[in-house]
Amino acid sequence: MAVVPSSFLSLLVLCGGLCYAAASPLNQIQESYPDSAVVTRVRQAETRIEQQLQRKSSGTKKLALDQILLDVVAPISEVDPQFLSVTIDSGDISRNWSGITFTAQRIINMARGLAPAMLRVGGTSGDYLIFNSSTAETVQQSNFTMTPQQWDEVNKFVETVGWDFVFGLNALLRTPYPNGSWDSDNARMLLSYSTSRKLYRPVGAWKWCATEPDMWGTAIPAEDHAKDFLTLRDLVAEEKTLGKMLIGPDVAYKMDYFTEYVVSTISFLPPFFNFCRFIQSLPQGLLSATTYHQYYGNGSTAKLPQCYDVNLLDSLIHVAVYFQASTEALQPQADLWLGETSSFYGSGAPNLSNTYVAGFLWLDKLGIAAVVGHKRVFRHDFIGGYFALLDANQNPLPDYWLSLLYKKLVGTKVVYVNGSLEYGRYLRVYAHCAKAPYPAGSVVLLLLNTNFTTATAELLNEDLASSYRDVFWLSPPAGDLTSTSVLLNGVLLELVDNRDLPHLVPAEDSPGSSLSVPSISFGFVVFRDTKIPACT
């Protein structure tokens, strides 16, 4: 596929966050979102982001896809230390945490390996969840109860492993149902109980909204959601010891698989309209973060080649840019979080989402989100489902090991790689300042080779070419892309004594003007001797 020209975004029509090619029905879109002032503000934010993402070193000619050039002067963005965070689905509560043993030392050890992080408990099932401080269940049959014991268990776990906590409240408790105002009594009961418990750290953030409201048949206007959010603000303010972060609206972007990067009206319009209408209706400064969900397609129909198809990987770019632009335009003080994401929705794709090949989707997503300016990305799920980091038996899957390496190596400052968001890149490269104990000035490259042949990348920065490298390369055993195991520099990654994390040992590579990138694989390369100004 040809690289998208720098004028591509200016040819797209942005309406409340949705972008189309110039040939799309502009009049219909404008009629759907008639607030021209909002459109203008979001367009202006999109232009600022585009200019930042398209910046190149002065005088640099067009680079080949196998050339790597960093903008070393200053970071292009900075993510939160909890950038890679995780979720547990609310539905697990209805199954008594689906067998998750929060006190098991192996679970605690694996969770600690991902710290600092934030745990988000939420999901579609959260809109059926009732907190019940008594033993009797007095709720509707369609709902389920979370007991004080279950609430205490997850809070104690979060405290033990050093994570923070965000919890999604039930927004579909409405009087009368479904179109009345939000009934906040149950939320008040949970907040009051949380304040009374002094055995764990306070809940740091609260998410109020119907999870993925754009996907519900019961249409509650975004403006009504926003009004009810003000009620939640007042509830949280009453509980002095609880965290005050409020986030939303958790709209869903679950794209079907397309061979091109232009997205259809049906899959793209509703979440952006709902997102913009919601955040537009709230006072400035109320939201700590705006949130959306993203998956690459349906797990029941996903195919192996999709996981390393550059067209599918590229599809996240415009989605991320337009949510970022909408947030910057309408709630500029708020961060943007990718509040729930994985490979494919519907618990993932069997023999894909739980295997090595899903790592292309996960690592590339982390790279794109950081460059565009997202502050946190929440991986769904920590445990359970094909798309989880740990399987149903609480064993680490390949994406867990990838996440563990990310936490060990990748710092918060994002270094711009020339052309890193151009479309059609078979060799995909992202860069961050390396994490301590690597010295200030060192940089780590996140590299993905989607081709079935080895790539030789030319390093155009002298600092990179003259530096020794620590290589952390992940590959599947026997070249099996659908393996549920993974090798680090040829050595199988597994728990020590079935409970402790292993040492992650790099391979050392000598300085040189080129870098060999093995076929159809991915990993990290730390340039430990560089003195890049962006990282000092």
Protein backbone atom coordinates (compact mmCIF):
# COMPACT_ATOMS: atom_id res chain seq x y z
CA MET A 1 0.00 0.00 0.00
CA ALA A 2 1.25 3.47 -0.80
CA VAL A 3 2.21 5.77 2.05
CA VAL A 4 -0.55 8.22 2.93
CA PRO A 5 0.57 11.72 1.90
CA SER A 6 0.95 14.46 4.48
CA SER A 7 -2.17 16.11 3.10
CA PHE A 8 -4.28 13.02 3.83
CA LEU A 9 -5.75 14.26 7.08
CA SER A 10 -6.64 17.60 5.53
CA LEU A 11 -8.65 15.69 2.92
CA LEU A 12 -10.65 13.95 5.61
CA VAL A 13 -13.82 15.42 7.02
CA LEU A 14 -13.95 15.47 10.80
CA CYS A 15 -17.37 15.75 12.45
CA GLY A 16 -17.39 15.38 16.19
CA GLY A 17 -14.48 12.99 15.86
CA LEU A 18 -15.39 11.00 12.74
CA CYS A 19 -13.18 11.23 9.68
CA TYR A 20 -13.95 10.23 6.14
CA ALA A 21 -12.26 10.36 2.79
CA ALA A 22 -13.23 13.39 0.74
CA ALA A 23 -15.58 11.28 -1.37
CA SER A 24 -17.77 10.41 1.64
CA PRO A 25 -21.24 12.04 2.04
CA LEU A 26 -20.19 15.22 3.82
CA ASN A 27 -23.68 16.73 3.92
CA GLN A 28 -25.11 13.69 5.67
CA ILE A 29 -22.35 13.78 8.29
CA GLN A 30 -22.78 17.47 8.98
CA GLU A 31 -26.52 17.01 9.39
CA SER A 32 -25.83 14.25 11.91
CA TYR A 33 -23.61 16.55 13.96
CA PRO A 34 -24.79 20.08 13.17
CA ASP A 35 -22.80 21.98 15.83
CA SER A 36 -20.36 23.76 13.55
CA ALA A 37 -18.45 25.30 16.46
CA VAL A 38 -17.64 21.85 17.82
CA VAL A 39 -16.62 20.64 14.37
CA THR A 40 -14.30 23.62 13.98
CA ARG A 41 -12.66 23.12 17.37
CA VAL A 42 -12.07 19.42 16.76
CA ARG A 43 -10.70 20.13 13.29
CA GLN A 44 -8.26 22.65 14.75
CA ALA A 45 -7.09 20.13 17.34
CA GLU A 46 -6.74 17.47 14.65
CA THR A 47 -4.59 19.85 12.59
CA ARG A 48 -2.31 20.51 15.57
CA ILE A 49 -1.89 16.78 16.15
CA GLU A 50 -1.25 16.16 12.46
CA GLN A 51 1.44 18.82 12.35
CA GLN A 52 3.12 17.37 15.40
CA LEU A 53 3.00 13.81 14.12
CA GLN A 54 4.28 14.82 10.69
CA ARG A 55 7.25 16.76 11.98
CA LYS A 56 10.59 15.71 10.47
CA SER A 57 14.19 16.69 10.98
CA SER A 58 15.04 19.81 9.02
CA GLY A 59 16.20 19.03 5.52
CA THR A 60 15.55 15.29 5.78
CA LYS A 61 14.61 13.65 2.52
CA LYS A 62 12.00 10.94 2.24
CA LEU A 63 13.23 7.84 4.05
CA ALA A 64 13.01 4.24 2.93
CA LEU A 65 10.93 1.88 5.06
CA ASP A 66 14.10 0.20 6.35
CA GLN A 67 15.75 3.43 7.53
CA ILE A 68 15.44 4.54 11.17
CA LEU A 69 15.86 8.17 12.14
CA LEU A 70 14.90 9.56 15.55
CA ASP A 71 14.01 13.15 16.38
CA VAL A 72 16.33 13.36 19.37
CA VAL A 73 15.79 16.99 20.40
CA ALA A 74 12.69 16.61 22.60
CA PRO A 75 10.03 13.99 23.37
CA ILE A 76 6.96 14.11 21.16
CA SER A 77 4.77 13.10 24.12
CA GLU A 78 4.93 11.63 27.59
CA VAL A 79 2.75 8.83 28.89
CA ASP A 80 1.67 8.07 32.43
CA PRO A 81 3.85 5.67 34.46
CA GLN A 82 0.72 3.46 34.51
CA PHE A 83 0.47 3.64 30.71
CA LEU A 84 0.16 -0.15 30.35
CA SER A 85 -2.71 -1.06 32.65
CA VAL A 86 -5.15 -3.96 32.86
CA THR A 87 -8.81 -4.83 33.39
CA ILE A 88 -10.92 -7.52 35.01
CA ASP A 89 -14.41 -7.94 33.63
CA SER A 90 -17.33 -7.15 35.94
CA GLY A 91 -18.94 -10.40 34.81
CA ASP A 92 -16.31 -12.31 36.77
CA ILE A 93 -17.93 -11.01 39.95
CA SER A 94 -21.15 -12.83 39.07
CA ARG A 95 -19.07 -16.02 38.88
CA ASN A 96 -17.30 -15.29 42.19
CA TRP A 97 -14.29 -13.90 40.33
CA SER A 98 -14.29 -16.89 37.93
CA GLY A 99 -11.90 -18.80 40.12
CA ILE A 100 -9.30 -16.02 40.33
CA THR A 101 -7.35 -16.62 43.51
CA PHE A 102 -6.31 -13.14 44.56
CA THR A 103 -4.23 -14.48 47.46
CA ALA A 104 -2.20 -16.96 45.37
CA GLN A 105 1.45 -15.94 45.45
CA ARG A 106 2.02 -16.70 41.75
CA ILE A 107 -0.83 -14.35 40.80
CA ILE A 108 0.52 -11.69 43.14
CA ASN A 109 4.02 -12.06 41.66
CA MET A 110 2.81 -11.78 38.08
CA ALA A 111 0.67 -8.76 38.94
CA ARG A 112 3.55 -7.04 40.74
CA GLY A 113 5.62 -7.50 37.61
CA LEU A 114 3.24 -5.16 35.78
CA ALA A 115 3.35 -2.40 38.42
CA PRO A 116 2.90 0.51 38.30
CA ALA A 117 -0.51 -0.08 36.78
CA MET A 118 -4.18 0.64 37.29
CA LEU A 119 -6.79 -2.09 37.47
CA ARG A 120 -10.11 -1.22 35.88
CA VAL A 121 -13.02 -3.44 36.90
CA GLY A 122 -15.77 -2.88 34.37
CA GLY A 123 -17.37 -4.10 31.19
CA THR A 124 -20.84 -4.59 29.80
CA SER A 125 -21.80 -6.75 32.79
CA GLY A 126 -21.15 -3.76 35.03
CA ASP A 127 -24.49 -2.37 33.94
CA TYR A 128 -26.17 -5.28 35.73
CA LEU A 129 -24.06 -5.12 38.89
CA ILE A 130 -25.65 -4.26 42.23
CA PHE A 131 -23.63 -3.78 45.40
CA ASN A 132 -25.48 -5.43 48.27
CA SER A 133 -24.20 -4.91 51.78
CA SER A 134 -26.63 -7.50 53.14
CA THR A 135 -26.77 -11.22 52.49
CA ALA A 136 -30.21 -11.11 50.89
CA GLU A 137 -30.53 -10.50 47.17
CA THR A 138 -33.31 -8.03 46.47
CA VAL A 139 -32.45 -7.09 42.90
CA GLN A 140 -34.04 -7.86 39.57
CA GLN A 141 -33.38 -11.24 38.05
CA SER A 142 -31.33 -9.75 35.20
CA ASN A 143 -28.94 -8.14 37.66
CA PHE A 144 -26.33 -9.77 39.90
CA THR A 145 -24.92 -8.91 43.28
CA MET A 146 -21.42 -7.94 44.36
CA THR A 147 -20.94 -8.73 48.03
CA PRO A 148 -18.80 -6.78 50.50
CA GLN A 149 -16.45 -9.77 50.65
CA GLN A 150 -15.88 -9.65 46.88
CA TRP A 151 -15.29 -5.91 47.04
CA ASP A 152 -12.80 -6.35 49.86
CA GLU A 153 -10.97 -9.13 47.98
CA VAL A 154 -10.21 -7.08 44.90
CA ASN A 155 -9.29 -3.99 46.91
CA LYS A 156 -6.89 -5.95 49.08
CA PHE A 157 -5.33 -7.50 45.97
CA VAL A 158 -4.79 -4.11 44.37
CA GLU A 159 -3.15 -2.83 47.54
CA THR A 160 -0.91 -5.91 47.81
CA VAL A 161 0.44 -5.73 44.25
CA GLY A 162 0.92 -1.95 44.17
CA TRP A 163 -1.72 -1.08 41.61
CA ASP A 164 -4.32 1.68 41.60
CA PHE A 165 -8.00 0.99 41.04
CA VAL A 166 -10.81 2.33 38.87
CA PHE A 167 -14.30 0.90 39.18
CA GLY A 168 -17.23 1.20 36.78
CA LEU A 169 -20.60 1.94 38.35
CA ASN A 170 -23.95 0.74 37.01
CA ALA A 171 -25.48 3.50 34.90
CA LEU A 172 -28.62 1.61 33.92
CA LEU A 173 -30.18 1.82 37.36
CA ARG A 174 -32.73 4.38 36.29
CA THR A 175 -36.10 5.49 37.62
CA PRO A 176 -38.24 4.84 35.72
CA TYR A 177 -36.31 2.35 33.60
CA PRO A 178 -34.96 2.81 30.97
CA ASN A 179 -35.38 6.52 30.25
CA GLY A 180 -35.57 8.03 33.72
CA SER A 181 -32.84 9.69 35.76
CA TRP A 182 -30.03 7.72 37.31
CA ASP A 183 -30.85 6.09 40.66
CA SER A 184 -27.69 6.78 42.64
CA ASP A 185 -28.70 5.01 45.88
CA ASN A 186 -26.67 1.87 45.16
CA ALA A 187 -23.61 3.89 44.19
CA ARG A 188 -23.94 5.85 47.42
CA MET A 189 -24.07 2.57 49.35
CA LEU A 190 -20.84 1.37 47.72
CA LEU A 191 -19.04 4.65 48.26
CA SER A 192 -20.10 4.78 51.90
CA TYR A 193 -19.00 1.20 52.49
CA SER A 194 -15.65 1.93 50.84
CA THR A 195 -15.09 4.89 53.14
CA SER A 196 -15.89 2.76 56.18
CA ARG A 197 -13.26 0.17 55.25
CA LYS A 198 -9.76 1.20 56.25
CA LEU A 199 -8.03 -2.05 55.32
CA TYR A 200 -7.08 -0.92 51.83
CA ARG A 201 -6.09 2.16 49.89
CA PRO A 202 -8.95 4.36 48.66
CA VAL A 203 -10.38 3.68 45.22
CA GLY A 204 -8.53 6.15 43.01
CA ALA A 205 -11.09 6.69 40.27
CA TRP A 206 -14.73 6.09 39.47
CA LYS A 207 -16.18 5.44 36.05
CA TRP A 208 -19.82 6.33 35.68
CA CYS A 209 -21.56 5.55 32.45
CA ALA A 210 -23.25 2.71 30.67
CA THR A 211 -20.31 0.68 29.38
CA GLU A 212 -20.20 1.04 25.59
CA PRO A 213 -23.43 3.11 25.57
CA ASP A 214 -23.33 3.40 21.77
CA MET A 215 -23.79 -0.38 21.56
CA TRP A 216 -26.94 -0.50 23.70
CA GLY A 217 -30.40 -0.92 22.21
CA THR A 218 -31.67 1.18 25.10
CA ALA A 219 -30.83 4.67 23.91
CA ILE A 220 -30.00 7.04 26.75
CA PRO A 221 -28.92 10.37 25.26
CA ALA A 222 -25.31 11.33 25.89
CA GLU A 223 -26.52 14.61 27.38
CA ASP A 224 -28.51 12.68 30.01
CA HIS A 225 -25.44 10.59 30.82
CA ALA A 226 -23.53 13.82 31.33
CA LYS A 227 -26.17 15.18 33.73
CA ASP A 228 -26.03 12.02 35.80
CA PHE A 229 -22.24 12.30 35.90
CA LEU A 230 -22.69 15.53 37.84
CA THR A 231 -24.62 13.54 40.43
CA LEU A 232 -21.69 11.18 40.76
CA ARG A 233 -19.35 14.12 41.24
CA ASP A 234 -21.39 15.25 44.21
CA LEU A 235 -21.51 11.72 45.66
CA VAL A 236 -17.76 11.31 45.47
CA ALA A 237 -17.21 14.75 46.99
CA GLU A 238 -19.16 13.66 50.07
CA GLU A 239 -16.68 10.84 50.75
CA LYS A 240 -13.54 12.75 51.76
CA THR A 241 -11.11 9.82 51.73
CA LEU A 242 -11.94 8.44 48.28
CA GLY A 243 -10.19 9.23 45.03
CA LYS A 244 -11.76 12.01 43.02
CA MET A 245 -10.88 10.96 39.48
CA LEU A 246 -13.95 10.72 37.23
CA ILE A 247 -13.68 9.17 33.77
CA GLY A 248 -15.94 8.35 30.82
CA PRO A 249 -17.79 7.77 28.50
CA ASP A 250 -16.37 4.35 27.49
CA VAL A 251 -17.75 4.32 23.96
CA ALA A 252 -16.92 1.27 21.85
CA TYR A 253 -15.01 1.18 18.62
CA LYS A 254 -15.03 -2.43 17.43
CA MET A 255 -14.01 -2.30 13.82
CA ASP A 256 -14.69 -5.04 11.37
CA TYR A 257 -11.76 -6.09 9.27
CA PHE A 258 -11.16 -3.93 6.21
CA THR A 259 -8.52 -4.34 3.52
CA GLU A 260 -8.19 -0.57 3.32
CA TYR A 261 -7.77 2.05 6.04
CA VAL A 262 -10.97 4.01 5.30
CA VAL A 263 -13.62 3.04 7.83
CA SER A 264 -17.31 2.59 7.11
CA THR A 265 -20.01 4.96 8.32
CA ILE A 266 -21.78 2.30 10.38
CA SER A 267 -18.74 1.27 12.41
CA PHE A 268 -17.36 4.74 13.00
CA LEU A 269 -20.16 7.28 13.44
CA PRO A 270 -22.04 6.22 16.60
CA PRO A 271 -19.09 6.01 19.04
CA PHE A 272 -17.67 9.36 17.97
CA PHE A 273 -20.99 11.16 18.13
CA ASN A 274 -21.71 9.70 21.57
CA PHE A 275 -18.18 10.50 22.77
CA CYS A 276 -18.26 14.13 21.65
CA ARG A 277 -21.80 14.81 22.78
CA PHE A 278 -20.99 13.43 26.23
CA ILE A 279 -17.78 15.34 26.88
CA GLN A 280 -19.18 18.49 25.27
CA SER A 281 -22.04 18.45 27.79
CA LEU A 282 -19.78 18.40 30.87
CA PRO A 283 -18.21 21.42 32.60
CA GLN A 284 -14.55 21.98 31.85
CA GLY A 285 -12.33 20.37 34.45
CA LEU A 286 -14.80 17.74 35.64
CA LEU A 287 -13.29 14.80 33.79
CA SER A 288 -9.89 13.49 34.71
CA ALA A 289 -9.82 11.33 31.59
CA THR A 290 -11.97 10.55 28.58
CA THR A 291 -12.20 6.90 27.54
CA TYR A 292 -12.98 4.75 24.54
CA HIS A 293 -12.71 1.06 23.69
CA GLN A 294 -11.10 -0.48 20.61
CA TYR A 295 -10.85 -3.96 19.09
CA TYR A 296 -9.66 -4.98 15.65
CA GLY A 297 -12.64 -7.20 14.87
CA ASN A 298 -14.78 -10.16 15.87
CA GLY A 299 -12.98 -13.06 17.52
CA SER A 300 -15.31 -15.60 15.94
CA THR A 301 -14.24 -14.65 12.41
CA ALA A 302 -10.62 -13.55 12.88
CA LYS A 303 -7.93 -15.18 10.75
CA LEU A 304 -4.21 -15.65 11.35
CA PRO A 305 -2.93 -13.23 8.64
CA GLN A 306 -4.94 -10.37 10.13
CA CYS A 307 -2.69 -10.30 13.17
CA TYR A 308 0.30 -9.07 11.16
CA ASP A 309 -1.55 -7.34 8.31
CA VAL A 310 -0.23 -3.77 8.17
CA ASN A 311 -3.60 -2.50 6.92
CA LEU A 312 -5.29 -3.74 10.07
CA LEU A 313 -2.49 -2.41 12.26
CA ASP A 314 -2.72 0.96 10.53
CA SER A 315 -6.46 1.16 11.17
CA LEU A 316 -5.83 2.28 14.74
CA ILE A 317 -3.94 5.42 13.67
CA HIS A 318 -6.87 7.55 12.54
CA VAL A 319 -9.09 6.23 15.35
CA ALA A 320 -6.51 7.25 17.96
CA VAL A 321 -5.89 10.64 16.35
CA TYR A 322 -9.56 11.63 16.24
CA PHE A 323 -10.36 10.60 19.80
CA GLN A 324 -7.26 12.55 20.83
CA ALA A 325 -8.36 15.58 18.82
CA SER A 326 -11.89 15.48 20.24
CA THR A 327 -10.57 15.33 23.79
CA GLU A 328 -8.10 18.17 23.27
CA ALA A 329 -10.82 20.32 21.70
CA LEU A 330 -13.70 19.65 24.10
CA GLN A 331 -12.07 18.69 27.42
CA PRO A 332 -8.49 19.97 27.05
CA GLN A 333 -7.60 19.43 30.70
CA ALA A 334 -8.47 15.72 30.52
CA ASP A 335 -6.18 12.86 29.59
CA LEU A 336 -7.28 10.32 27.01
CA TRP A 337 -7.29 6.66 27.99
CA LEU A 338 -7.86 3.67 25.76
CA GLY A 339 -10.06 2.28 28.50
CA GLU A 340 -10.55 -1.27 27.21
CA THR A 341 -8.75 -3.01 24.38
CA SER A 342 -7.28 -6.25 23.14
CA SER A 343 -7.02 -8.08 19.84
CA PHE A 344 -10.55 -9.22 18.94
CA TYR A 345 -13.80 -8.82 20.84
CA GLY A 346 -16.05 -11.64 22.02
CA SER A 347 -13.39 -12.96 24.45
CA GLY A 348 -10.86 -13.01 21.64
CA ALA A 349 -10.08 -15.47 18.87
CA PRO A 350 -9.25 -19.07 19.86
CA ASN A 351 -5.73 -20.07 18.88
CA LEU A 352 -4.91 -16.49 17.91
CA SER A 353 -5.56 -14.02 20.74
CA ASN A 354 -3.90 -16.34 23.26
CA THR A 355 -0.84 -17.02 21.11
CA TYR A 356 2.39 -15.41 20.00
CA VAL A 357 0.95 -13.82 16.87
CA ALA A 358 -1.39 -11.55 18.87
CA GLY A 359 1.71 -9.74 20.09
CA PHE A 360 1.90 -7.85 16.79
CA LEU A 361 -1.46 -6.25 17.55
CA TRP A 362 -0.59 -5.52 21.19
CA LEU A 363 2.91 -4.06 20.76
CA ASP A 364 1.91 -1.98 17.74
CA LYS A 365 -1.10 -0.62 19.63
CA LEU A 366 1.09 0.46 22.53
CA GLY A 367 3.43 2.19 20.09
CA ILE A 368 0.71 4.09 18.23
CA ALA A 369 -1.20 5.13 21.36
CA ALA A 370 1.94 6.56 22.98
CA VAL A 371 2.98 8.56 19.92
CA VAL A 372 -0.48 10.05 19.43
CA GLY A 373 -0.66 11.15 23.08
CA HIS A 374 -2.85 8.65 24.96
CA LYS A 375 -1.88 8.52 28.61
CA ARG A 376 -3.04 4.99 29.49
CA VAL A 377 -4.01 1.81 27.68
CA PHE A 378 -6.05 -0.83 29.54
CA ARG A 379 -5.56 -4.41 28.40
CA HIS A 380 -8.68 -6.53 28.57
CA ASP A 381 -8.40 -8.91 30.44
CA PHE A 382 -5.78 -9.59 33.06
CA ILE A 383 -7.19 -13.11 33.55
CA GLY A 384 -9.69 -15.11 31.51
CA GLY A 385 -10.82 -15.27 27.90
CA TYR A 386 -8.65 -15.96 24.88
CA PHE A 387 -7.59 -12.31 24.80
CA ALA A 388 -6.28 -12.19 28.38
CA LEU A 389 -2.72 -11.94 29.67
CA LEU A 390 -3.22 -15.01 31.87
CA ASP A 391 -5.29 -17.99 30.77
CA ALA A 392 -8.20 -19.53 32.68
CA ASN A 393 -5.72 -21.65 34.66
CA GLN A 394 -3.82 -18.48 35.58
CA ASN A 395 -0.80 -19.31 33.42
CA PRO A 396 1.04 -16.50 31.61
CA LEU A 397 0.38 -16.22 27.89
CA PRO A 398 2.78 -14.63 25.34
CA ASP A 399 1.24 -11.17 25.70
CA TYR A 400 1.92 -11.30 29.43
CA TRP A 401 5.64 -11.76 28.78
CA LEU A 402 5.55 -8.99 26.19
CA SER A 403 3.86 -6.71 28.73
CA LEU A 404 6.39 -7.64 31.40
CA LEU A 405 9.27 -6.69 29.09
CA TYR A 406 7.51 -3.44 28.22
CA LYS A 407 7.24 -2.58 31.91
CA LYS A 408 10.90 -3.41 32.48
CA LEU A 409 12.35 -1.45 29.57
CA VAL A 410 10.06 1.31 28.33
CA GLY A 411 10.06 4.74 29.98
CA THR A 412 7.42 7.45 29.88
CA LYS A 413 9.04 9.83 27.37
CA VAL A 414 8.15 9.06 23.76
CA VAL A 415 10.79 9.73 21.09
CA TYR A 416 9.54 10.43 17.58
CA VAL A 417 10.66 8.00 14.88
CA ASN A 418 10.59 9.64 11.47
CA GLY A 419 7.63 8.29 9.51
CA SER A 420 6.48 6.02 12.33
CA LEU A 421 2.79 6.68 11.63
CA GLU A 422 2.90 6.44 7.86
CA TYR A 423 0.65 3.80 6.37
CA GLY A 424 1.90 0.52 4.95
CA ARG A 425 5.02 0.04 7.11
CA TYR A 426 6.10 -3.60 7.09
CA LEU A 427 8.93 -2.68 9.50
CA ARG A 428 7.24 -0.85 12.36
CA VAL A 429 9.42 1.11 14.78
CA TYR A 430 8.59 3.14 17.89
CA ALA A 431 10.94 4.63 20.46
CA HIS A 432 10.93 5.65 24.12
CA CYS A 433 13.53 6.75 26.57
CA ALA A 434 14.77 3.60 28.29
CA LYS A 435 13.72 2.95 31.85
CA ALA A 436 16.14 2.94 34.81
CA PRO A 437 18.51 1.35 35.61
CA TYR A 438 19.55 2.24 32.07
CA PRO A 439 21.27 5.65 32.23
CA ALA A 440 19.71 8.93 31.23
CA GLY A 441 20.05 9.48 27.50
CA SER A 442 19.55 5.83 26.57
CA VAL A 443 16.72 4.84 24.24
CA VAL A 444 14.72 1.69 23.55
CA LEU A 445 13.30 0.78 20.15
CA LEU A 446 10.11 -1.26 19.82
CA LEU A 447 10.47 -3.17 16.55
CA LEU A 448 8.03 -5.35 14.61
CA ASN A 449 8.87 -7.08 11.33
CA THR A 450 5.63 -8.18 9.65
CA ASN A 451 7.44 -9.74 6.66
CA PHE A 452 8.53 -13.35 6.32
CA THR A 453 12.07 -12.24 5.48
CA THR A 454 14.73 -10.72 7.71
CA ALA A 455 14.96 -6.93 7.51
CA THR A 456 18.17 -4.96 7.73
CA ALA A 457 17.43 -1.53 9.16
CA GLU A 458 19.82 1.35 8.56
CA LEU A 459 20.45 3.49 11.66
CA LEU A 460 20.77 7.12 10.58
CA ASN A 461 21.44 8.58 14.04
CA GLU A 462 25.13 8.44 14.89
CA ASP A 463 24.26 7.98 18.56
CA LEU A 464 22.43 4.76 17.72
CA ALA A 465 25.07 3.45 15.35
CA SER A 466 27.87 3.93 17.88
CA SER A 467 26.07 2.39 20.86
CA TYR A 468 26.18 -1.11 22.31
CA ARG A 469 22.72 -2.69 22.40
CA ASP A 470 20.80 -4.95 24.73
CA VAL A 471 18.46 -7.08 22.66
CA PHE A 472 15.26 -8.58 24.08
CA TRP A 473 13.82 -10.49 21.13
CA LEU A 474 10.63 -12.50 21.33
CA SER A 475 9.97 -15.41 18.98
CA PRO A 476 7.67 -18.43 18.89
CA PRO A 477 9.01 -21.97 19.54
CA ALA A 478 9.76 -23.78 16.27
CA GLY A 479 8.43 -20.76 14.37
CA ASP A 480 4.84 -21.59 15.33
CA LEU A 481 2.98 -18.28 15.32
CA THR A 482 0.06 -19.86 17.16
CA SER A 483 2.15 -21.16 20.06
CA THR A 484 0.97 -20.26 23.57
CA SER A 485 4.62 -20.16 24.63
CA VAL A 486 7.29 -17.62 23.73
CA LEU A 487 11.09 -17.51 23.62
CA LEU A 488 13.28 -14.64 24.81
CA ASN A 489 16.48 -14.68 22.77
CA GLY A 490 15.86 -18.37 22.13
CA VAL A 491 15.12 -19.31 25.75
CA LEU A 492 11.64 -20.39 26.84
CA LEU A 493 9.98 -17.94 29.21
CA GLU A 494 8.29 -19.61 32.16
CA LEU A 495 7.77 -19.09 35.87
CA VAL A 496 10.47 -20.29 38.22
CA ASP A 497 9.14 -22.98 40.55
CA ASN A 498 5.71 -22.25 39.09
CA ARG A 499 5.40 -18.98 41.01
CA ASP A 500 8.35 -16.58 40.60
CA LEU A 501 9.22 -14.37 37.66
CA PRO A 502 12.46 -15.24 35.83
CA HIS A 503 15.33 -12.85 35.15
CA LEU A 504 14.89 -11.32 31.71
CA VAL A 505 18.39 -11.57 30.26
CA PRO A 506 19.32 -9.61 27.13
CA ALA A 507 21.61 -10.60 24.31
CA GLU A 508 24.38 -8.08 23.68
CA ASP A 509 24.90 -6.62 20.22
CA SER A 510 27.86 -4.54 19.09
CA PRO A 511 27.70 -1.04 17.59
CA GLY A 512 27.10 -0.70 13.89
CA SER A 513 25.23 1.33 11.29
CA SER A 514 22.62 -1.37 10.71
CA LEU A 515 20.29 -3.54 12.76
CA SER A 516 19.08 -7.01 11.76
CA VAL A 517 15.39 -7.55 12.47
CA PRO A 518 14.33 -11.23 12.29
CA SER A 519 11.40 -12.19 10.09
CA ILE A 520 7.78 -12.19 11.34
CA SER A 521 8.69 -11.35 14.94
CA PHE A 522 9.07 -8.48 17.35
CA GLY A 523 11.04 -7.28 20.34
CA PHE A 524 12.98 -4.50 22.06
CA VAL A 525 16.47 -3.15 21.50
CA VAL A 526 17.98 -0.85 24.15
CA PHE A 527 20.76 1.47 22.99
CA ARG A 528 22.45 1.90 26.32
CA ASP A 529 25.30 4.28 25.44
CA THR A 530 23.35 7.03 23.70
CA LYS A 531 23.10 10.57 25.03
CA ILE A 532 19.89 11.60 23.33
CA PRO A 533 18.79 15.08 24.52
CA ALA A 534 15.14 14.00 24.57
CA CYS A 535 16.05 11.43 27.23
CA THR A 536 18.36 13.50 29.43
